[in-house]
Amino acid sequence: MARAFNQAQFIEALKANLVLEHSQDDELLGELIQAGLDYATSYQHLVPGHYENHPLSESTYRAVIMLATHFYESRDGSTGGFFADNTHAAARVWEAVNRLLILDRDWKV
């Protein structure tokens, strides 16, 4: 199932993932989603802004939500966010995100 990019829906999905019920951080969440989308397009070798005009696969959508969640939970500079007691937590997030994004990568030589 492919999803069209919709900032408001992305923010609501991110807030649900974070179990966040207030709207005070919505602007920040939008910026973190954009950072996740920028990372996704770069990692997948797509042109910047690709997902503004093309649908996201479910794997790319989930990767962006995971990455934005990680950014939000780690915004204080810690490595693991919610799982700060595990020094490898941040690396595991990036591994999971990259494995999801690789499914839609435009392979180039």
PDB file of N, CA and C in Angstrom:
ATOM      1  N   MET A   1       0.849  -1.179   0.000  1.00  0.00           N
ATOM      2  CA  MET A   1       0.000   0.000   0.000  1.00  0.00           C
ATOM      3  C   MET A   1       0.895   1.242   0.000  1.00  0.00           C
ATOM      4  N   ALA A   2       0.707   2.087  -0.955  1.00  0.00           N
ATOM      5  CA  ALA A   2       1.478   3.318  -1.028  1.00  0.00           C
ATOM      6  C   ALA A   2       0.677   4.455  -0.411  1.00  0.00           C
ATOM      7  N   ARG A   3       1.391   5.403   0.181  1.00  0.00           N
ATOM      8  CA  ARG A   3       0.756   6.547   0.833  1.00  0.00           C
ATOM      9  C   ARG A   3       1.232   7.842   0.203  1.00  0.00           C
ATOM     10  N   ALA A   4       0.294   8.729  -0.059  1.00  0.00           N
ATOM     11  CA  ALA A   4       0.657  10.068  -0.495  1.00  0.00           C
ATOM     12  C   ALA A   4       1.155  10.832   0.721  1.00  0.00           C
ATOM     13  N   PHE A   5       2.114  11.721   0.506  1.00  0.00           N
ATOM     14  CA  PHE A   5       2.623  12.509   1.625  1.00  0.00           C
ATOM     15  C   PHE A   5       1.572  13.508   2.077  1.00  0.00           C
ATOM     16  N   ASN A   6       1.281  13.491   3.352  1.00  0.00           N
ATOM     17  CA  ASN A   6       0.353  14.436   3.957  1.00  0.00           C
ATOM     18  C   ASN A   6       0.940  14.794   5.320  1.00  0.00           C
ATOM     19  N   GLN A   7       1.419  16.023   5.454  1.00  0.00           N
ATOM     20  CA  GLN A   7       2.112  16.459   6.667  1.00  0.00           C
ATOM     21  C   GLN A   7       1.260  16.241   7.925  1.00  0.00           C
ATOM     22  N   ALA A   8      -0.004  16.627   7.874  1.00  0.00           N
ATOM     23  CA  ALA A   8      -0.865  16.511   9.059  1.00  0.00           C
ATOM     24  C   ALA A   8      -1.043  15.055   9.459  1.00  0.00           C
ATOM     25  N   GLN A   9      -1.242  14.161   8.496  1.00  0.00           N
ATOM     26  CA  GLN A   9      -1.387  12.739   8.808  1.00  0.00           C
ATOM     27  C   GLN A   9      -0.083  12.163   9.345  1.00  0.00           C
ATOM     28  N   PHE A  10       1.034  12.602   8.790  1.00  0.00           N
ATOM     29  CA  PHE A  10       2.340  12.154   9.273  1.00  0.00           C
ATOM     30  C   PHE A  10       2.530  12.577  10.728  1.00  0.00           C
ATOM     31  N   ILE A  11       2.188  13.811  11.041  1.00  0.00           N
ATOM     32  CA  ILE A  11       2.326  14.300  12.417  1.00  0.00           C
ATOM     33  C   ILE A  11       1.444  13.489  13.351  1.00  0.00           C
ATOM     34  N   GLU A  12       0.220  13.201  12.950  1.00  0.00           N
ATOM     35  CA  GLU A  12      -0.678  12.408  13.800  1.00  0.00           C
ATOM     36  C   GLU A  12      -0.131  11.001  14.009  1.00  0.00           C
ATOM     37  N   ALA A  13       0.414  10.391  12.967  1.00  0.00           N
ATOM     38  CA  ALA A  13       1.007   9.056  13.095  1.00  0.00           C
ATOM     39  C   ALA A  13       2.226   9.085  14.011  1.00  0.00           C
ATOM     40  N   LEU A  14       3.039  10.131  13.887  1.00  0.00           N
ATOM     41  CA  LEU A  14       4.218  10.268  14.746  1.00  0.00           C
ATOM     42  C   LEU A  14       3.803  10.467  16.199  1.00  0.00           C
ATOM     43  N   LYS A  15       2.801  11.298  16.423  1.00  0.00           N
ATOM     44  CA  LYS A  15       2.306  11.516  17.793  1.00  0.00           C
ATOM     45  C   LYS A  15       1.755  10.228  18.373  1.00  0.00           C
ATOM     46  N   ALA A  16       1.076   9.428  17.580  1.00  0.00           N
ATOM     47  CA  ALA A  16       0.567   8.139  18.063  1.00  0.00           C
ATOM     48  C   ALA A  16       1.728   7.218  18.420  1.00  0.00           C
ATOM     49  N   ASN A  17       2.762   7.209  17.608  1.00  0.00           N
ATOM     50  CA  ASN A  17       3.937   6.380  17.878  1.00  0.00           C
ATOM     51  C   ASN A  17       4.652   6.818  19.155  1.00  0.00           C
ATOM     52  N   LEU A  18       4.651   8.120  19.394  1.00  0.00           N
ATOM     53  CA  LEU A  18       5.304   8.677  20.585  1.00  0.00           C
ATOM     54  C   LEU A  18       4.388   8.671  21.816  1.00  0.00           C
ATOM     55  N   VAL A  19       3.120   8.331  21.617  1.00  0.00           N
ATOM     56  CA  VAL A  19       2.096   8.417  22.663  1.00  0.00           C
ATOM     57  C   VAL A  19       2.094   9.848  23.201  1.00  0.00           C
ATOM     58  N   LEU A  20       1.987  10.780  22.283  1.00  0.00           N
ATOM     59  CA  LEU A  20       2.033  12.208  22.576  1.00  0.00           C
ATOM     60  C   LEU A  20       0.647  12.788  22.308  1.00  0.00           C
ATOM     61  N   GLU A  21       0.044  13.390  23.318  1.00  0.00           N
ATOM     62  CA  GLU A  21      -1.336  13.851  23.185  1.00  0.00           C
ATOM     63  C   GLU A  21      -1.483  15.360  23.033  1.00  0.00           C
ATOM     64  N   HIS A  22      -0.423  16.120  23.235  1.00  0.00           N
ATOM     65  CA  HIS A  22      -0.520  17.576  23.105  1.00  0.00           C
ATOM     66  C   HIS A  22      -0.037  18.014  21.726  1.00  0.00           C
ATOM     67  N   SER A  23      -0.291  19.263  21.408  1.00  0.00           N
ATOM     68  CA  SER A  23       0.090  19.809  20.105  1.00  0.00           C
ATOM     69  C   SER A  23       1.225  20.824  20.199  1.00  0.00           C
ATOM     70  N   GLN A  24       1.817  20.962  21.370  1.00  0.00           N
ATOM     71  CA  GLN A  24       2.860  21.966  21.569  1.00  0.00           C
ATOM     72  C   GLN A  24       4.086  21.730  20.705  1.00  0.00           C
ATOM     73  N   ASP A  25       4.363  20.484  20.361  1.00  0.00           N
ATOM     74  CA  ASP A  25       5.567  20.161  19.600  1.00  0.00           C
ATOM     75  C   ASP A  25       5.282  19.876  18.126  1.00  0.00           C
ATOM     76  N   ASP A  26       4.092  20.203  17.642  1.00  0.00           N
ATOM     77  CA  ASP A  26       3.737  19.867  16.263  1.00  0.00           C
ATOM     78  C   ASP A  26       4.700  20.472  15.238  1.00  0.00           C
ATOM     79  N   GLU A  27       5.151  21.696  15.455  1.00  0.00           N
ATOM     80  CA  GLU A  27       6.096  22.307  14.518  1.00  0.00           C
ATOM     81  C   GLU A  27       7.413  21.524  14.505  1.00  0.00           C
ATOM     82  N   LEU A  28       7.906  21.175  15.686  1.00  0.00           N
ATOM     83  CA  LEU A  28       9.120  20.372  15.787  1.00  0.00           C
ATOM     84  C   LEU A  28       8.919  19.011  15.127  1.00  0.00           C
ATOM     85  N   LEU A  29       7.784  18.379  15.365  1.00  0.00           N
ATOM     86  CA  LEU A  29       7.512  17.070  14.762  1.00  0.00           C
ATOM     87  C   LEU A  29       7.529  17.167  13.236  1.00  0.00           C
ATOM     88  N   GLY A  30       6.964  18.244  12.700  1.00  0.00           N
ATOM     89  CA  GLY A  30       6.999  18.446  11.250  1.00  0.00           C
ATOM     90  C   GLY A  30       8.418  18.563  10.733  1.00  0.00           C
ATOM     91  N   GLU A  31       9.266  19.262  11.470  1.00  0.00           N
ATOM     92  CA  GLU A  31      10.670  19.402  11.076  1.00  0.00           C
ATOM     93  C   GLU A  31      11.403  18.054  11.142  1.00  0.00           C
ATOM     94  N   LEU A  32      11.087  17.254  12.150  1.00  0.00           N
ATOM     95  CA  LEU A  32      11.736  15.941  12.290  1.00  0.00           C
ATOM     96  C   LEU A  32      11.274  14.992  11.194  1.00  0.00           C
ATOM     97  N   ILE A  33      10.004  15.080  10.829  1.00  0.00           N
ATOM     98  CA  ILE A  33       9.500  14.281   9.709  1.00  0.00           C
ATOM     99  C   ILE A  33      10.219  14.685   8.431  1.00  0.00           C
ATOM    100  N   GLN A  34      10.384  15.983   8.219  1.00  0.00           N
ATOM    101  CA  GLN A  34      11.088  16.450   7.025  1.00  0.00           C
ATOM    102  C   GLN A  34      12.531  15.953   7.016  1.00  0.00           C
ATOM    103  N   ALA A  35      13.179  15.961   8.171  1.00  0.00           N
ATOM    104  CA  ALA A  35      14.548  15.436   8.257  1.00  0.00           C
ATOM    105  C   ALA A  35      14.562  13.947   7.905  1.00  0.00           C
ATOM    106  N   GLY A  36      13.570  13.206   8.385  1.00  0.00           N
ATOM    107  CA  GLY A  36      13.470  11.782   8.059  1.00  0.00           C
ATOM    108  C   GLY A  36      13.236  11.560   6.573  1.00  0.00           C
ATOM    109  N   LEU A  37      12.371  12.365   5.974  1.00  0.00           N
ATOM    110  CA  LEU A  37      12.131  12.266   4.528  1.00  0.00           C
ATOM    111  C   LEU A  37      13.381  12.616   3.732  1.00  0.00           C
ATOM    112  N   ASP A  38      14.096  13.644   4.173  1.00  0.00           N
ATOM    113  CA  ASP A  38      15.340  14.027   3.503  1.00  0.00           C
ATOM    114  C   ASP A  38      16.359  12.895   3.566  1.00  0.00           C
ATOM    115  N   TYR A  39      16.458  12.262   4.735  1.00  0.00           N
ATOM    116  CA  TYR A  39      17.376  11.134   4.867  1.00  0.00           C
ATOM    117  C   TYR A  39      16.948   9.997   3.940  1.00  0.00           C
ATOM    118  N   ALA A  40      15.649   9.705   3.927  1.00  0.00           N
ATOM    119  CA  ALA A  40      15.137   8.609   3.099  1.00  0.00           C
ATOM    120  C   ALA A  40      15.465   8.833   1.630  1.00  0.00           C
ATOM    121  N   THR A  41      15.210  10.028   1.116  1.00  0.00           N
ATOM    122  CA  THR A  41      15.470  10.276  -0.305  1.00  0.00           C
ATOM    123  C   THR A  41      16.967  10.214  -0.616  1.00  0.00           C
ATOM    124  N   SER A  42      17.778  10.686   0.291  1.00  0.00           N
ATOM    125  CA  SER A  42      19.226  10.612   0.081  1.00  0.00           C
ATOM    126  C   SER A  42      19.700   9.162   0.099  1.00  0.00           C
ATOM    127  N   TYR A  43      19.271   8.405   1.096  1.00  0.00           N
ATOM    128  CA  TYR A  43      19.680   7.000   1.232  1.00  0.00           C
ATOM    129  C   TYR A  43      19.202   6.172   0.038  1.00  0.00           C
ATOM    130  N   GLN A  44      18.027   6.517  -0.461  1.00  0.00           N
ATOM    131  CA  GLN A  44      17.454   5.748  -1.572  1.00  0.00           C
ATOM    132  C   GLN A  44      17.905   6.262  -2.937  1.00  0.00           C
ATOM    133  N   HIS A  45      18.797   7.254  -2.946  1.00  0.00           N
ATOM    134  CA  HIS A  45      19.324   7.833  -4.191  1.00  0.00           C
ATOM    135  C   HIS A  45      18.222   8.451  -5.042  1.00  0.00           C
ATOM    136  N   LEU A  46      17.298   9.126  -4.404  1.00  0.00           N
ATOM    137  CA  LEU A  46      16.212   9.810  -5.102  1.00  0.00           C
ATOM    138  C   LEU A  46      16.473  11.311  -5.070  1.00  0.00           C
ATOM    139  N   VAL A  47      15.800  12.033  -5.932  1.00  0.00           N
ATOM    140  CA  VAL A  47      15.980  13.482  -5.957  1.00  0.00           C
ATOM    141  C   VAL A  47      15.343  14.105  -4.713  1.00  0.00           C
ATOM    142  N   PRO A  48      15.926  15.181  -4.191  1.00  0.00           N
ATOM    143  CA  PRO A  48      15.325  15.852  -3.035  1.00  0.00           C
ATOM    144  C   PRO A  48      13.868  16.222  -3.320  1.00  0.00           C
ATOM    145  N   GLY A  49      13.025  16.012  -2.338  1.00  0.00           N
ATOM    146  CA  GLY A  49      11.608  16.325  -2.481  1.00  0.00           C
ATOM    147  C   GLY A  49      10.806  15.265  -3.228  1.00  0.00           C
ATOM    148  N   HIS A  50      11.419  14.135  -3.506  1.00  0.00           N
ATOM    149  CA  HIS A  50      10.768  13.063  -4.266  1.00  0.00           C
ATOM    150  C   HIS A  50       9.392  12.694  -3.696  1.00  0.00           C
ATOM    151  N   TYR A  51       9.312  12.575  -2.390  1.00  0.00           N
ATOM    152  CA  TYR A  51       8.067  12.094  -1.783  1.00  0.00           C
ATOM    153  C   TYR A  51       6.997  13.175  -1.660  1.00  0.00           C
ATOM    154  N   GLU A  52       7.300  14.376  -2.101  1.00  0.00           N
ATOM    155  CA  GLU A  52       6.256  15.397  -2.173  1.00  0.00           C
ATOM    156  C   GLU A  52       5.356  15.141  -3.379  1.00  0.00           C
ATOM    157  N   ASN A  53       5.885  14.423  -4.378  1.00  0.00           N
ATOM    158  CA  ASN A  53       5.138  14.154  -5.607  1.00  0.00           C
ATOM    159  C   ASN A  53       4.927  12.672  -5.897  1.00  0.00           C
ATOM    160  N   HIS A  54       5.483  11.816  -5.070  1.00  0.00           N
ATOM    161  CA  HIS A  54       5.362  10.377  -5.280  1.00  0.00           C
ATOM    162  C   HIS A  54       4.930   9.720  -3.960  1.00  0.00           C
ATOM    163  N   PRO A  55       4.159   8.657  -4.060  1.00  0.00           N
ATOM    164  CA  PRO A  55       3.720   7.993  -2.830  1.00  0.00           C
ATOM    165  C   PRO A  55       4.876   7.270  -2.133  1.00  0.00           C
ATOM    166  N   LEU A  56       4.723   7.117  -0.826  1.00  0.00           N
ATOM    167  CA  LEU A  56       5.697   6.374  -0.020  1.00  0.00           C
ATOM    168  C   LEU A  56       5.203   4.946   0.125  1.00  0.00           C
ATOM    169  N   SER A  57       6.110   3.996  -0.004  1.00  0.00           N
ATOM    170  CA  SER A  57       5.745   2.614   0.298  1.00  0.00           C
ATOM    171  C   SER A  57       5.555   2.503   1.812  1.00  0.00           C
ATOM    172  N   GLU A  58       4.953   1.435   2.231  1.00  0.00           N
ATOM    173  CA  GLU A  58       4.747   1.237   3.670  1.00  0.00           C
ATOM    174  C   GLU A  58       6.085   1.143   4.402  1.00  0.00           C
ATOM    175  N   SER A  59       7.088   0.519   3.785  1.00  0.00           N
ATOM    176  CA  SER A  59       8.385   0.388   4.456  1.00  0.00           C
ATOM    177  C   SER A  59       9.063   1.750   4.612  1.00  0.00           C
ATOM    178  N   THR A  60       9.003   2.588   3.594  1.00  0.00           N
ATOM    179  CA  THR A  60       9.589   3.922   3.702  1.00  0.00           C
ATOM    180  C   THR A  60       8.825   4.762   4.705  1.00  0.00           C
ATOM    181  N   TYR A  61       7.509   4.677   4.682  1.00  0.00           N
ATOM    182  CA  TYR A  61       6.676   5.407   5.642  1.00  0.00           C
ATOM    183  C   TYR A  61       7.056   5.036   7.075  1.00  0.00           C
ATOM    184  N   ARG A  62       7.159   3.732   7.347  1.00  0.00           N
ATOM    185  CA  ARG A  62       7.518   3.271   8.698  1.00  0.00           C
ATOM    186  C   ARG A  62       8.923   3.712   9.079  1.00  0.00           C
ATOM    187  N   ALA A  63       9.838   3.697   8.132  1.00  0.00           N
ATOM    188  CA  ALA A  63      11.210   4.120   8.414  1.00  0.00           C
ATOM    189  C   ALA A  63      11.256   5.590   8.816  1.00  0.00           C
ATOM    190  N   VAL A  64      10.498   6.420   8.121  1.00  0.00           N
ATOM    191  CA  VAL A  64      10.476   7.849   8.440  1.00  0.00           C
ATOM    192  C   VAL A  64       9.861   8.071   9.826  1.00  0.00           C
ATOM    193  N   ILE A  65       8.798   7.351  10.147  1.00  0.00           N
ATOM    194  CA  ILE A  65       8.185   7.459  11.480  1.00  0.00           C
ATOM    195  C   ILE A  65       9.184   7.022  12.554  1.00  0.00           C
ATOM    196  N   MET A  66       9.880   5.901  12.314  1.00  0.00           N
ATOM    197  CA  MET A  66      10.875   5.425  13.291  1.00  0.00           C
ATOM    198  C   MET A  66      11.991   6.441  13.477  1.00  0.00           C
ATOM    199  N   LEU A  67      12.468   6.998  12.381  1.00  0.00           N
ATOM    200  CA  LEU A  67      13.571   7.945  12.456  1.00  0.00           C
ATOM    201  C   LEU A  67      13.142   9.235  13.147  1.00  0.00           C
ATOM    202  N   ALA A  68      11.974   9.746  12.818  1.00  0.00           N
ATOM    203  CA  ALA A  68      11.475  10.961  13.469  1.00  0.00           C
ATOM    204  C   ALA A  68      11.236  10.711  14.954  1.00  0.00           C
ATOM    205  N   THR A  69      10.764   9.520  15.306  1.00  0.00           N
ATOM    206  CA  THR A  69      10.592   9.151  16.711  1.00  0.00           C
ATOM    207  C   THR A  69      11.935   9.172  17.425  1.00  0.00           C
ATOM    208  N   HIS A  70      12.929   8.586  16.796  1.00  0.00           N
ATOM    209  CA  HIS A  70      14.277   8.566  17.375  1.00  0.00           C
ATOM    210  C   HIS A  70      14.812   9.982  17.556  1.00  0.00           C
ATOM    211  N   PHE A  71      14.634  10.824  16.542  1.00  0.00           N
ATOM    212  CA  PHE A  71      15.095  12.211  16.645  1.00  0.00           C
ATOM    213  C   PHE A  71      14.402  12.933  17.803  1.00  0.00           C
ATOM    214  N   TYR A  72      13.114  12.720  17.950  1.00  0.00           N
ATOM    215  CA  TYR A  72      12.355  13.397  19.012  1.00  0.00           C
ATOM    216  C   TYR A  72      12.810  12.911  20.393  1.00  0.00           C
ATOM    217  N   GLU A  73      12.949  11.606  20.533  1.00  0.00           N
ATOM    218  CA  GLU A  73      13.337  11.051  21.827  1.00  0.00           C
ATOM    219  C   GLU A  73      14.790  11.326  22.174  1.00  0.00           C
ATOM    220  N   SER A  74      15.604  11.654  21.185  1.00  0.00           N
ATOM    221  CA  SER A  74      17.033  11.888  21.416  1.00  0.00           C
ATOM    222  C   SER A  74      17.408  13.354  21.226  1.00  0.00           C
ATOM    223  N   ARG A  75      16.450  14.241  21.243  1.00  0.00           N
ATOM    224  CA  ARG A  75      16.739  15.651  20.947  1.00  0.00           C
ATOM    225  C   ARG A  75      17.596  16.320  22.005  1.00  0.00           C
ATOM    226  N   ASP A  76      17.772  15.678  23.149  1.00  0.00           N
ATOM    227  CA  ASP A  76      18.624  16.248  24.185  1.00  0.00           C
ATOM    228  C   ASP A  76      20.091  15.898  23.976  1.00  0.00           C
ATOM    229  N   GLY A  77      20.395  15.171  22.901  1.00  0.00           N
ATOM    230  CA  GLY A  77      21.774  14.809  22.608  1.00  0.00           C
ATOM    231  C   GLY A  77      22.175  13.436  23.099  1.00  0.00           C
ATOM    232  N   SER A  78      21.275  12.737  23.777  1.00  0.00           N
ATOM    233  CA  SER A  78      21.603  11.386  24.224  1.00  0.00           C
ATOM    234  C   SER A  78      21.624  10.451  23.024  1.00  0.00           C
ATOM    235  N   THR A  79      22.225   9.310  23.181  1.00  0.00           N
ATOM    236  CA  THR A  79      22.352   8.394  22.053  1.00  0.00           C
ATOM    237  C   THR A  79      21.146   7.502  21.877  1.00  0.00           C
ATOM    238  N   GLY A  80      20.420   7.227  22.924  1.00  0.00           N
ATOM    239  CA  GLY A  80      19.363   6.235  22.815  1.00  0.00           C
ATOM    240  C   GLY A  80      17.969   6.730  23.055  1.00  0.00           C
ATOM    241  N   GLY A  81      17.791   7.986  23.387  1.00  0.00           N
ATOM    242  CA  GLY A  81      16.448   8.473  23.655  1.00  0.00           C
ATOM    243  C   GLY A  81      15.818   7.731  24.812  1.00  0.00           C
ATOM    244  N   PHE A  82      14.645   7.175  24.580  1.00  0.00           N
ATOM    245  CA  PHE A  82      13.911   6.461  25.622  1.00  0.00           C
ATOM    246  C   PHE A  82      14.727   5.290  26.181  1.00  0.00           C
ATOM    247  N   PHE A  83      15.540   4.667  25.315  1.00  0.00           N
ATOM    248  CA  PHE A  83      16.346   3.528  25.721  1.00  0.00           C
ATOM    249  C   PHE A  83      17.786   3.944  26.026  1.00  0.00           C
ATOM    250  N   ALA A  84      17.957   5.079  26.688  1.00  0.00           N
ATOM    251  CA  ALA A  84      19.283   5.639  26.939  1.00  0.00           C
ATOM    252  C   ALA A  84      20.168   4.725  27.776  1.00  0.00           C
ATOM    253  N   ASP A  85      19.574   3.788  28.507  1.00  0.00           N
ATOM    254  CA  ASP A  85      20.389   2.884  29.307  1.00  0.00           C
ATOM    255  C   ASP A  85      21.082   1.827  28.440  1.00  0.00           C
ATOM    256  N   ASN A  86      20.704   1.734  27.172  1.00  0.00           N
ATOM    257  CA  ASN A  86      21.319   0.791  26.249  1.00  0.00           C
ATOM    258  C   ASN A  86      22.148   1.589  25.251  1.00  0.00           C
ATOM    259  N   THR A  87      23.453   1.477  25.356  1.00  0.00           N
ATOM    260  CA  THR A  87      24.334   2.292  24.521  1.00  0.00           C
ATOM    261  C   THR A  87      24.259   1.942  23.041  1.00  0.00           C
ATOM    262  N   HIS A  88      23.694   0.799  22.704  1.00  0.00           N
ATOM    263  CA  HIS A  88      23.600   0.391  21.305  1.00  0.00           C
ATOM    264  C   HIS A  88      22.235   0.701  20.699  1.00  0.00           C
ATOM    265  N   ALA A  89      21.360   1.315  21.468  1.00  0.00           N
ATOM    266  CA  ALA A  89      19.994   1.559  20.997  1.00  0.00           C
ATOM    267  C   ALA A  89      19.975   2.422  19.733  1.00  0.00           C
ATOM    268  N   ALA A  90      20.747   3.480  19.704  1.00  0.00           N
ATOM    269  CA  ALA A  90      20.750   4.365  18.538  1.00  0.00           C
ATOM    270  C   ALA A  90      21.210   3.616  17.289  1.00  0.00           C
ATOM    271  N   ALA A  91      22.228   2.799  17.416  1.00  0.00           N
ATOM    272  CA  ALA A  91      22.721   2.033  16.267  1.00  0.00           C
ATOM    273  C   ALA A  91      21.645   1.080  15.760  1.00  0.00           C
ATOM    274  N   ARG A  92      20.891   0.498  16.652  1.00  0.00           N
ATOM    275  CA  ARG A  92      19.823  -0.432  16.255  1.00  0.00           C
ATOM    276  C   ARG A  92      18.704   0.296  15.510  1.00  0.00           C
ATOM    277  N   VAL A  93      18.411   1.520  15.930  1.00  0.00           N
ATOM    278  CA  VAL A  93      17.402   2.313  15.222  1.00  0.00           C
ATOM    279  C   VAL A  93      17.854   2.549  13.790  1.00  0.00           C
ATOM    280  N   TRP A  94      19.087   2.991  13.609  1.00  0.00           N
ATOM    281  CA  TRP A  94      19.596   3.268  12.266  1.00  0.00           C
ATOM    282  C   TRP A  94      19.647   2.001  11.423  1.00  0.00           C
ATOM    283  N   GLU A  95      20.000   0.873  12.015  1.00  0.00           N
ATOM    284  CA  GLU A  95      20.005  -0.391  11.271  1.00  0.00           C
ATOM    285  C   GLU A  95      18.599  -0.723  10.778  1.00  0.00           C
ATOM    286  N   ALA A  96      17.614  -0.606  11.651  1.00  0.00           N
ATOM    287  CA  ALA A  96      16.234  -0.916  11.275  1.00  0.00           C
ATOM    288  C   ALA A  96      15.740   0.042  10.193  1.00  0.00           C
ATOM    289  N   VAL A  97      16.014   1.325  10.350  1.00  0.00           N
ATOM    290  CA  VAL A  97      15.596   2.320   9.369  1.00  0.00           C
ATOM    291  C   VAL A  97      16.229   2.022   8.011  1.00  0.00           C
ATOM    292  N   ASN A  98      17.527   1.771   7.995  1.00  0.00           N
ATOM    293  CA  ASN A  98      18.210   1.506   6.726  1.00  0.00           C
ATOM    294  C   ASN A  98      17.703   0.227   6.066  1.00  0.00           C
ATOM    295  N   ARG A  99      17.371  -0.772   6.851  1.00  0.00           N
ATOM    296  CA  ARG A  99      16.834  -2.017   6.272  1.00  0.00           C
ATOM    297  C   ARG A  99      15.465  -1.783   5.646  1.00  0.00           C
ATOM    298  N   LEU A 100      14.677  -0.924   6.240  1.00  0.00           N
ATOM    299  CA  LEU A 100      13.386  -0.594   5.640  1.00  0.00           C
ATOM    300  C   LEU A 100      13.558   0.244   4.376  1.00  0.00           C
ATOM    301  N   LEU A 101      14.464   1.207   4.425  1.00  0.00           N
ATOM    302  CA  LEU A 101      14.663   2.099   3.281  1.00  0.00           C
ATOM    303  C   LEU A 101      15.305   1.402   2.090  1.00  0.00           C
ATOM    304  N   ILE A 102      16.108   0.405   2.352  1.00  0.00           N
ATOM    305  CA  ILE A 102      16.821  -0.268   1.259  1.00  0.00           C
ATOM    306  C   ILE A 102      15.858  -0.969   0.309  1.00  0.00           C
ATOM    307  N   LEU A 103      14.661  -1.280   0.796  1.00  0.00           N
ATOM    308  CA  LEU A 103      13.676  -1.948  -0.035  1.00  0.00           C
ATOM    309  C   LEU A 103      13.234  -1.101  -1.225  1.00  0.00           C
ATOM    310  N   ASP A 104      13.312   0.216  -1.083  1.00  0.00           N
ATOM    311  CA  ASP A 104      12.896   1.123  -2.154  1.00  0.00           C
ATOM    312  C   ASP A 104      14.080   1.881  -2.754  1.00  0.00           C
ATOM    313  N   ARG A 105      15.275   1.414  -2.515  1.00  0.00           N
ATOM    314  CA  ARG A 105      16.459   2.123  -2.997  1.00  0.00           C
ATOM    315  C   ARG A 105      16.576   2.034  -4.515  1.00  0.00           C
ATOM    316  N   ASP A 106      16.975   3.121  -5.130  1.00  0.00           N
ATOM    317  CA  ASP A 106      17.244   3.177  -6.550  1.00  0.00           C
ATOM    318  C   ASP A 106      18.732   2.856  -6.715  1.00  0.00           C
ATOM    319  N   TRP A 107      19.018   1.614  -7.047  1.00  0.00           N
ATOM    320  CA  TRP A 107      20.401   1.161  -7.108  1.00  0.00           C
ATOM    321  C   TRP A 107      21.109   1.760  -8.309  1.00  0.00           C
ATOM    322  N   LYS A 108      22.234   2.413  -8.050  1.00  0.00           N
ATOM    323  CA  LYS A 108      23.029   3.032  -9.103  1.00  0.00           C
ATOM    324  C   LYS A 108      24.479   2.627  -8.934  1.00  0.00           C
ATOM    325  N   VAL A 109      25.170   2.594 -10.027  1.00  0.00           N
ATOM    326  CA  VAL A 109      26.592   2.240 -10.004  1.00  0.00           C
ATOM    327  C   VAL A 109      27.406   3.487 -10.216  1.00  0.00           C
TER     328      VAL A 109
END
